[in-house]
Amino acid sequence: MITTIGRVLATGVVVALGFGIVANLAPIGIWQMFMACVGWALAYFGDELAPLVGVTSSPSTSQYIEPVIRGIGWLFLLLAFGLFLVRMQRIW
């Protein structure tokens, strides 16, 4: 249930950032969308993308690796959203 909510939230954040980038409100448009897409992929798929990050997991360590990978994905999403908020507040 928590995974499903996280996936829906991650998708919503990426869609919202995509609209902001299309409306030319992003300070570094293409790189910000790249960060958002990488963050979405890590937050959405989690443990399945662990080998791409360089983390190998076994079935016994999967329960520990997946939250870390999803957390890294959410950090990318928050960084991209933070850049959007900085632009909206006219700080940058």
N, C-alpha and C. Protein backbone atom coordinates (compact mmCIF):
# COMPACT_ATOMS: atom_id res chain seq x y z
N MET A 1 0.82 -1.19 0.00
CA MET A 1 0.00 0.00 0.00
C MET A 1 0.87 1.26 0.00
N ILE A 2 1.91 1.28 0.84
CA ILE A 2 2.80 2.43 0.89
C ILE A 2 3.54 2.57 -0.43
N THR A 3 3.91 1.46 -1.04
CA THR A 3 4.60 1.50 -2.33
C THR A 3 3.71 2.11 -3.39
N THR A 4 2.44 1.75 -3.40
CA THR A 4 1.51 2.28 -4.38
C THR A 4 1.33 3.78 -4.20
N ILE A 5 1.20 4.23 -2.97
CA ILE A 5 1.06 5.65 -2.70
C ILE A 5 2.31 6.39 -3.13
N GLY A 6 3.48 5.84 -2.84
CA GLY A 6 4.73 6.44 -3.26
C GLY A 6 4.85 6.55 -4.77
N ARG A 7 4.40 5.51 -5.46
CA ARG A 7 4.46 5.53 -6.92
C ARG A 7 3.53 6.59 -7.50
N VAL A 8 2.34 6.71 -6.94
CA VAL A 8 1.38 7.72 -7.41
C VAL A 8 1.93 9.13 -7.14
N LEU A 9 2.49 9.34 -5.96
CA LEU A 9 3.06 10.64 -5.63
C LEU A 9 4.24 10.98 -6.53
N ALA A 10 5.11 10.03 -6.77
CA ALA A 10 6.26 10.27 -7.64
C ALA A 10 5.81 10.62 -9.05
N THR A 11 4.81 9.93 -9.56
CA THR A 11 4.29 10.22 -10.89
C THR A 11 3.66 11.60 -10.93
N GLY A 12 2.93 11.96 -9.88
CA GLY A 12 2.32 13.29 -9.81
C GLY A 12 3.35 14.40 -9.79
N VAL A 13 4.43 14.20 -9.05
CA VAL A 13 5.49 15.21 -8.99
C VAL A 13 6.15 15.37 -10.35
N VAL A 14 6.42 14.28 -11.03
CA VAL A 14 7.06 14.37 -12.35
C VAL A 14 6.14 15.05 -13.36
N VAL A 15 4.87 14.75 -13.31
CA VAL A 15 3.92 15.39 -14.23
C VAL A 15 3.86 16.89 -13.95
N ALA A 16 3.79 17.27 -12.68
CA ALA A 16 3.74 18.69 -12.32
C ALA A 16 5.02 19.40 -12.75
N LEU A 17 6.17 18.77 -12.56
CA LEU A 17 7.42 19.37 -13.00
C LEU A 17 7.47 19.46 -14.53
N GLY A 18 6.92 18.48 -15.18
CA GLY A 18 6.88 18.52 -16.65
C GLY A 18 6.06 19.69 -17.16
N PHE A 19 4.93 19.96 -16.52
CA PHE A 19 4.12 21.11 -16.91
C PHE A 19 4.87 22.41 -16.66
N GLY A 20 5.59 22.49 -15.56
CA GLY A 20 6.38 23.68 -15.26
C GLY A 20 7.49 23.90 -16.25
N ILE A 21 8.09 22.83 -16.70
CA ILE A 21 9.18 22.94 -17.67
C ILE A 21 8.65 23.33 -19.04
N VAL A 22 7.50 22.78 -19.42
CA VAL A 22 6.89 23.14 -20.69
C VAL A 22 6.46 24.61 -20.68
N ALA A 23 6.02 25.11 -19.53
CA ALA A 23 5.61 26.51 -19.40
C ALA A 23 6.81 27.45 -19.24
N ASN A 24 8.02 26.90 -19.34
CA ASN A 24 9.27 27.66 -19.25
C ASN A 24 9.41 28.36 -17.89
N LEU A 25 9.06 27.67 -16.83
CA LEU A 25 9.22 28.20 -15.48
C LEU A 25 10.41 27.60 -14.76
N ALA A 26 11.10 26.69 -15.39
CA ALA A 26 12.22 26.00 -14.75
C ALA A 26 13.52 26.75 -15.02
N PRO A 27 14.38 26.89 -14.02
CA PRO A 27 15.64 27.60 -14.24
C PRO A 27 16.61 26.84 -15.14
N ILE A 28 16.65 25.53 -15.06
CA ILE A 28 17.54 24.72 -15.90
C ILE A 28 16.74 23.59 -16.51
N GLY A 29 15.80 23.92 -17.36
CA GLY A 29 14.78 23.04 -17.90
C GLY A 29 15.14 21.60 -18.18
N ILE A 30 16.01 21.36 -19.14
CA ILE A 30 16.27 19.98 -19.57
C ILE A 30 16.96 19.19 -18.47
N TRP A 31 17.89 19.80 -17.74
CA TRP A 31 18.57 19.09 -16.66
C TRP A 31 17.63 18.83 -15.49
N GLN A 32 16.74 19.76 -15.26
CA GLN A 32 15.77 19.57 -14.18
C GLN A 32 14.81 18.42 -14.52
N MET A 33 14.39 18.33 -15.77
CA MET A 33 13.52 17.22 -16.17
C MET A 33 14.28 15.91 -16.14
N PHE A 34 15.57 15.94 -16.48
CA PHE A 34 16.39 14.73 -16.40
C PHE A 34 16.47 14.26 -14.94
N MET A 35 16.71 15.19 -14.01
CA MET A 35 16.75 14.82 -12.58
C MET A 35 15.41 14.25 -12.14
N ALA A 36 14.32 14.87 -12.60
CA ALA A 36 13.00 14.40 -12.22
C ALA A 36 12.73 13.00 -12.77
N CYS A 37 13.14 12.73 -14.00
CA CYS A 37 12.92 11.41 -14.59
C CYS A 37 13.77 10.33 -13.91
N VAL A 38 15.01 10.66 -13.60
CA VAL A 38 15.87 9.71 -12.89
C VAL A 38 15.30 9.45 -11.50
N GLY A 39 14.89 10.51 -10.82
CA GLY A 39 14.29 10.36 -9.50
C GLY A 39 13.01 9.55 -9.56
N TRP A 40 12.20 9.79 -10.58
CA TRP A 40 10.95 9.02 -10.71
C TRP A 40 11.26 7.54 -10.92
N ALA A 41 12.22 7.25 -11.79
CA ALA A 41 12.55 5.85 -12.06
C ALA A 41 13.03 5.16 -10.79
N LEU A 42 13.90 5.81 -10.03
CA LEU A 42 14.39 5.20 -8.79
C LEU A 42 13.28 5.08 -7.75
N ALA A 43 12.45 6.11 -7.63
CA ALA A 43 11.37 6.06 -6.64
C ALA A 43 10.28 5.07 -7.05
N TYR A 44 10.05 4.91 -8.33
CA TYR A 44 8.98 4.03 -8.80
C TYR A 44 9.39 2.56 -8.77
N PHE A 45 10.57 2.26 -9.29
CA PHE A 45 10.98 0.86 -9.42
C PHE A 45 11.81 0.35 -8.26
N GLY A 46 12.51 1.22 -7.56
CA GLY A 46 13.24 0.83 -6.36
C GLY A 46 14.29 -0.23 -6.58
N ASP A 47 14.08 -1.38 -5.97
CA ASP A 47 15.07 -2.45 -5.94
C ASP A 47 15.38 -3.01 -7.33
N GLU A 48 14.47 -2.88 -8.26
CA GLU A 48 14.71 -3.41 -9.60
C GLU A 48 15.81 -2.64 -10.32
N LEU A 49 16.03 -1.39 -9.94
CA LEU A 49 17.07 -0.58 -10.57
C LEU A 49 18.34 -0.52 -9.75
N ALA A 50 18.42 -1.27 -8.68
CA ALA A 50 19.60 -1.26 -7.81
C ALA A 50 20.88 -1.61 -8.57
N PRO A 51 20.89 -2.57 -9.48
CA PRO A 51 22.14 -2.85 -10.20
C PRO A 51 22.62 -1.68 -11.06
N LEU A 52 21.70 -0.84 -11.55
CA LEU A 52 22.11 0.32 -12.33
C LEU A 52 22.83 1.36 -11.47
N VAL A 53 22.46 1.42 -10.20
CA VAL A 53 23.09 2.35 -9.27
C VAL A 53 24.42 1.79 -8.78
N GLY A 54 24.60 0.49 -8.92
CA GLY A 54 25.84 -0.15 -8.49
C GLY A 54 25.68 -0.92 -7.20
N VAL A 55 24.44 -1.17 -6.80
CA VAL A 55 24.16 -1.91 -5.57
C VAL A 55 23.63 -3.27 -5.95
N THR A 56 24.25 -4.32 -5.45
CA THR A 56 23.75 -5.66 -5.67
C THR A 56 23.00 -6.10 -4.43
N SER A 57 21.88 -6.76 -4.66
CA SER A 57 21.08 -7.20 -3.52
C SER A 57 20.70 -8.65 -3.69
N SER A 58 20.57 -9.30 -2.58
CA SER A 58 20.09 -10.68 -2.56
C SER A 58 18.69 -10.65 -1.98
N PRO A 59 17.97 -11.76 -2.07
CA PRO A 59 16.62 -11.77 -1.51
C PRO A 59 16.58 -11.42 -0.02
N SER A 60 17.63 -11.73 0.72
CA SER A 60 17.62 -11.44 2.15
C SER A 60 17.90 -9.97 2.44
N THR A 61 18.61 -9.28 1.55
CA THR A 61 18.92 -7.86 1.77
C THR A 61 17.99 -6.93 1.01
N SER A 62 17.07 -7.47 0.25
CA SER A 62 16.18 -6.66 -0.56
C SER A 62 15.34 -5.71 0.28
N GLN A 63 14.93 -6.16 1.45
CA GLN A 63 14.10 -5.31 2.29
C GLN A 63 14.85 -4.10 2.83
N TYR A 64 16.17 -4.15 2.82
CA TYR A 64 16.98 -3.02 3.29
C TYR A 64 17.43 -2.13 2.13
N ILE A 65 17.66 -2.71 0.97
CA ILE A 65 18.16 -1.96 -0.18
C ILE A 65 17.06 -1.13 -0.81
N GLU A 66 15.86 -1.68 -0.91
CA GLU A 66 14.78 -0.98 -1.60
C GLU A 66 14.46 0.39 -1.00
N PRO A 67 14.34 0.54 0.32
CA PRO A 67 14.08 1.89 0.84
C PRO A 67 15.20 2.88 0.56
N VAL A 68 16.43 2.41 0.51
CA VAL A 68 17.55 3.30 0.21
C VAL A 68 17.48 3.79 -1.22
N ILE A 69 17.22 2.90 -2.16
CA ILE A 69 17.12 3.27 -3.57
C ILE A 69 15.94 4.21 -3.78
N ARG A 70 14.80 3.89 -3.18
CA ARG A 70 13.63 4.78 -3.29
C ARG A 70 13.92 6.13 -2.65
N GLY A 71 14.66 6.15 -1.55
CA GLY A 71 15.03 7.40 -0.91
C GLY A 71 15.91 8.26 -1.80
N ILE A 72 16.85 7.63 -2.50
CA ILE A 72 17.70 8.37 -3.43
C ILE A 72 16.84 8.96 -4.55
N GLY A 73 15.88 8.19 -5.02
CA GLY A 73 14.97 8.69 -6.05
C GLY A 73 14.17 9.89 -5.56
N TRP A 74 13.68 9.82 -4.33
CA TRP A 74 12.93 10.95 -3.77
C TRP A 74 13.82 12.15 -3.56
N LEU A 75 15.09 11.95 -3.26
CA LEU A 75 16.00 13.09 -3.13
C LEU A 75 16.17 13.80 -4.48
N PHE A 76 16.29 13.04 -5.55
CA PHE A 76 16.35 13.65 -6.87
C PHE A 76 15.08 14.41 -7.19
N LEU A 77 13.92 13.82 -6.86
CA LEU A 77 12.65 14.51 -7.11
C LEU A 77 12.54 15.79 -6.29
N LEU A 78 12.95 15.73 -5.03
CA LEU A 78 12.88 16.92 -4.19
C LEU A 78 13.86 17.99 -4.65
N LEU A 79 15.01 17.60 -5.13
CA LEU A 79 15.96 18.56 -5.65
C LEU A 79 15.39 19.26 -6.89
N ALA A 80 14.81 18.51 -7.79
CA ALA A 80 14.20 19.11 -8.98
C ALA A 80 13.03 20.01 -8.60
N PHE A 81 12.22 19.59 -7.64
CA PHE A 81 11.09 20.40 -7.20
C PHE A 81 11.58 21.64 -6.45
N GLY A 82 12.66 21.50 -5.69
CA GLY A 82 13.23 22.64 -4.98
C GLY A 82 13.72 23.71 -5.94
N LEU A 83 14.35 23.29 -7.04
CA LEU A 83 14.78 24.26 -8.05
C LEU A 83 13.58 24.97 -8.66
N PHE A 84 12.50 24.26 -8.85
CA PHE A 84 11.27 24.86 -9.37
C PHE A 84 10.72 25.88 -8.38
N LEU A 85 10.71 25.54 -7.09
CA LEU A 85 10.20 26.47 -6.08
C LEU A 85 11.08 27.71 -5.96
N VAL A 86 12.38 27.54 -6.07
CA VAL A 86 13.29 28.69 -6.02
C VAL A 86 13.00 29.65 -7.16
N ARG A 87 12.73 29.09 -8.32
CA ARG A 87 12.39 29.94 -9.48
C ARG A 87 11.05 30.64 -9.28
N MET A 88 10.08 29.94 -8.71
CA MET A 88 8.76 30.53 -8.50
C MET A 88 8.80 31.65 -7.45
N GLN A 89 9.70 31.56 -6.49
CA GLN A 89 9.84 32.60 -5.49
C GLN A 89 10.74 33.73 -5.96
N ARG A 90 11.20 33.65 -7.18
CA ARG A 90 12.06 34.65 -7.83
C ARG A 90 13.38 34.85 -7.07
N ILE A 91 13.87 33.79 -6.47
CA ILE A 91 15.16 33.84 -5.81
C ILE A 91 16.27 33.63 -6.85
N TRP A 92 15.98 32.80 -7.87
CA TRP A 92 16.97 32.53 -8.89
C TRP A 92 16.45 32.95 -10.24
